[in-house]
Amino acid sequence: MTFFTPEAKELIDYIAFLNEKAKGGFMLTQCLTHWAKYGITTKEELGDYLDDCVAMTKPYNSCDSNDDDYDGGHDPIEPTWDAVSRHDSNEGW
């Protein structure tokens, strides 16, 4: 029989909660050895780690129209004819 510290049990329960919310999507491993390799032994540490992961990807995948980095998926306005000519030449026209 395996016994867990209260922190380990809380971490396992937290992972199970997150996996249930994922509804078959991105699932987290419940292997505590895996998480220990990342220095994660508590629920709080896992939460911080996941928050950091999201923060690192948000600028690249942001679809929030209120985000200052959001450009609607369009190229920036090119201010001069030379810029347009360079664009056209890059297109092979």
Protein backbone atom coordinates (compact mmCIF):
# COMPACT_ATOMS: atom_id res chain seq x y z
CA MET A 1 0.00 0.00 0.00
CA THR A 2 1.29 3.45 -0.94
CA PHE A 3 1.01 6.37 1.46
CA PHE A 4 1.20 9.98 0.31
CA THR A 5 1.97 13.14 2.22
CA PRO A 6 -0.96 15.56 2.48
CA GLU A 7 0.75 17.78 -0.13
CA ALA A 8 1.18 14.86 -2.55
CA LYS A 9 -2.44 13.81 -2.11
CA GLU A 10 -3.59 17.38 -2.69
CA LEU A 11 -1.45 17.55 -5.86
CA ILE A 12 -2.90 14.29 -7.20
CA ASP A 13 -6.43 15.49 -6.45
CA TYR A 14 -5.71 18.82 -8.17
CA ILE A 15 -4.39 17.07 -11.28
CA ALA A 16 -7.48 14.84 -11.33
CA PHE A 17 -9.67 17.96 -11.06
CA LEU A 18 -7.85 19.65 -13.96
CA ASN A 19 -8.05 16.50 -16.08
CA GLU A 20 -11.79 16.23 -15.41
CA LYS A 21 -12.26 19.84 -16.55
CA ALA A 22 -10.26 19.05 -19.72
CA LYS A 23 -12.96 16.56 -20.76
CA GLY A 24 -10.52 14.43 -22.74
CA GLY A 25 -8.52 17.35 -24.07
CA PHE A 26 -5.02 18.13 -22.86
CA MET A 27 -4.45 15.80 -19.92
CA LEU A 28 -1.80 16.06 -17.20
CA THR A 29 0.06 13.05 -15.88
CA GLN A 30 -0.59 12.04 -12.28
CA CYS A 31 2.95 10.66 -11.97
CA LEU A 32 4.47 12.55 -9.05
CA THR A 33 7.98 11.54 -10.16
CA HIS A 34 7.40 13.36 -13.43
CA TRP A 35 6.36 16.56 -11.67
CA ALA A 36 9.19 16.30 -9.14
CA LYS A 37 11.66 16.50 -12.06
CA TYR A 38 10.26 20.00 -12.66
CA GLY A 39 10.51 20.89 -8.97
CA ILE A 40 6.75 20.57 -8.53
CA THR A 41 5.61 18.88 -5.34
CA THR A 42 2.56 20.95 -4.35
CA LYS A 43 -0.71 22.13 -5.88
CA GLU A 44 0.50 25.73 -5.71
CA GLU A 45 3.74 24.94 -7.57
CA LEU A 46 1.80 23.16 -10.33
CA GLY A 47 -0.60 26.10 -10.60
CA ASP A 48 2.33 28.53 -10.91
CA TYR A 49 4.01 26.29 -13.50
CA LEU A 50 0.85 26.06 -15.62
CA ASP A 51 0.28 29.83 -15.33
CA ASP A 52 3.84 30.41 -16.57
CA CYS A 53 3.24 28.04 -19.51
CA VAL A 54 0.13 29.97 -20.51
CA ALA A 55 1.89 33.32 -20.09
CA MET A 56 4.69 32.19 -22.41
CA THR A 57 2.28 31.20 -25.20
CA LYS A 58 -0.33 33.96 -24.91
CA PRO A 59 1.51 36.61 -26.98
CA TYR A 60 1.84 34.16 -29.85
CA ASN A 61 -1.68 32.74 -29.77
CA SER A 62 -3.72 35.67 -28.55
CA CYS A 63 -7.16 36.05 -30.11
CA ASP A 64 -8.34 38.64 -27.61
CA SER A 65 -9.51 41.67 -29.56
CA ASN A 66 -8.77 43.83 -26.51
CA ASP A 67 -5.13 42.74 -26.55
CA ASP A 68 -2.76 45.52 -27.65
CA ASP A 69 -0.81 42.99 -29.76
CA TYR A 70 -3.92 41.92 -31.70
CA ASP A 71 -3.88 43.07 -35.31
CA GLY A 72 -6.88 41.15 -36.59
CA GLY A 73 -4.65 38.84 -38.62
CA HIS A 74 -3.75 41.55 -41.14
CA ASP A 75 -0.40 42.85 -42.27
CA PRO A 76 0.57 46.21 -40.82
CA ILE A 77 -0.16 49.26 -42.97
CA GLU A 78 2.79 49.92 -45.24
CA PRO A 79 3.47 53.66 -45.20
CA THR A 80 5.13 54.22 -48.61
CA TRP A 81 4.94 53.11 -52.23
CA ASP A 82 8.39 51.55 -51.86
CA ALA A 83 7.05 49.26 -49.16
CA VAL A 84 4.20 48.19 -51.44
CA SER A 85 6.64 47.61 -54.31
CA ARG A 86 8.82 45.44 -52.07
CA HIS A 87 5.72 43.49 -51.06
CA ASP A 88 4.71 43.00 -54.70
CA SER A 89 8.19 41.87 -55.70
CA ASN A 90 8.20 39.37 -52.86
CA GLU A 91 4.95 37.95 -54.24
CA GLY A 92 6.64 37.38 -57.62
CA TRP A 93 4.64 39.98 -59.55
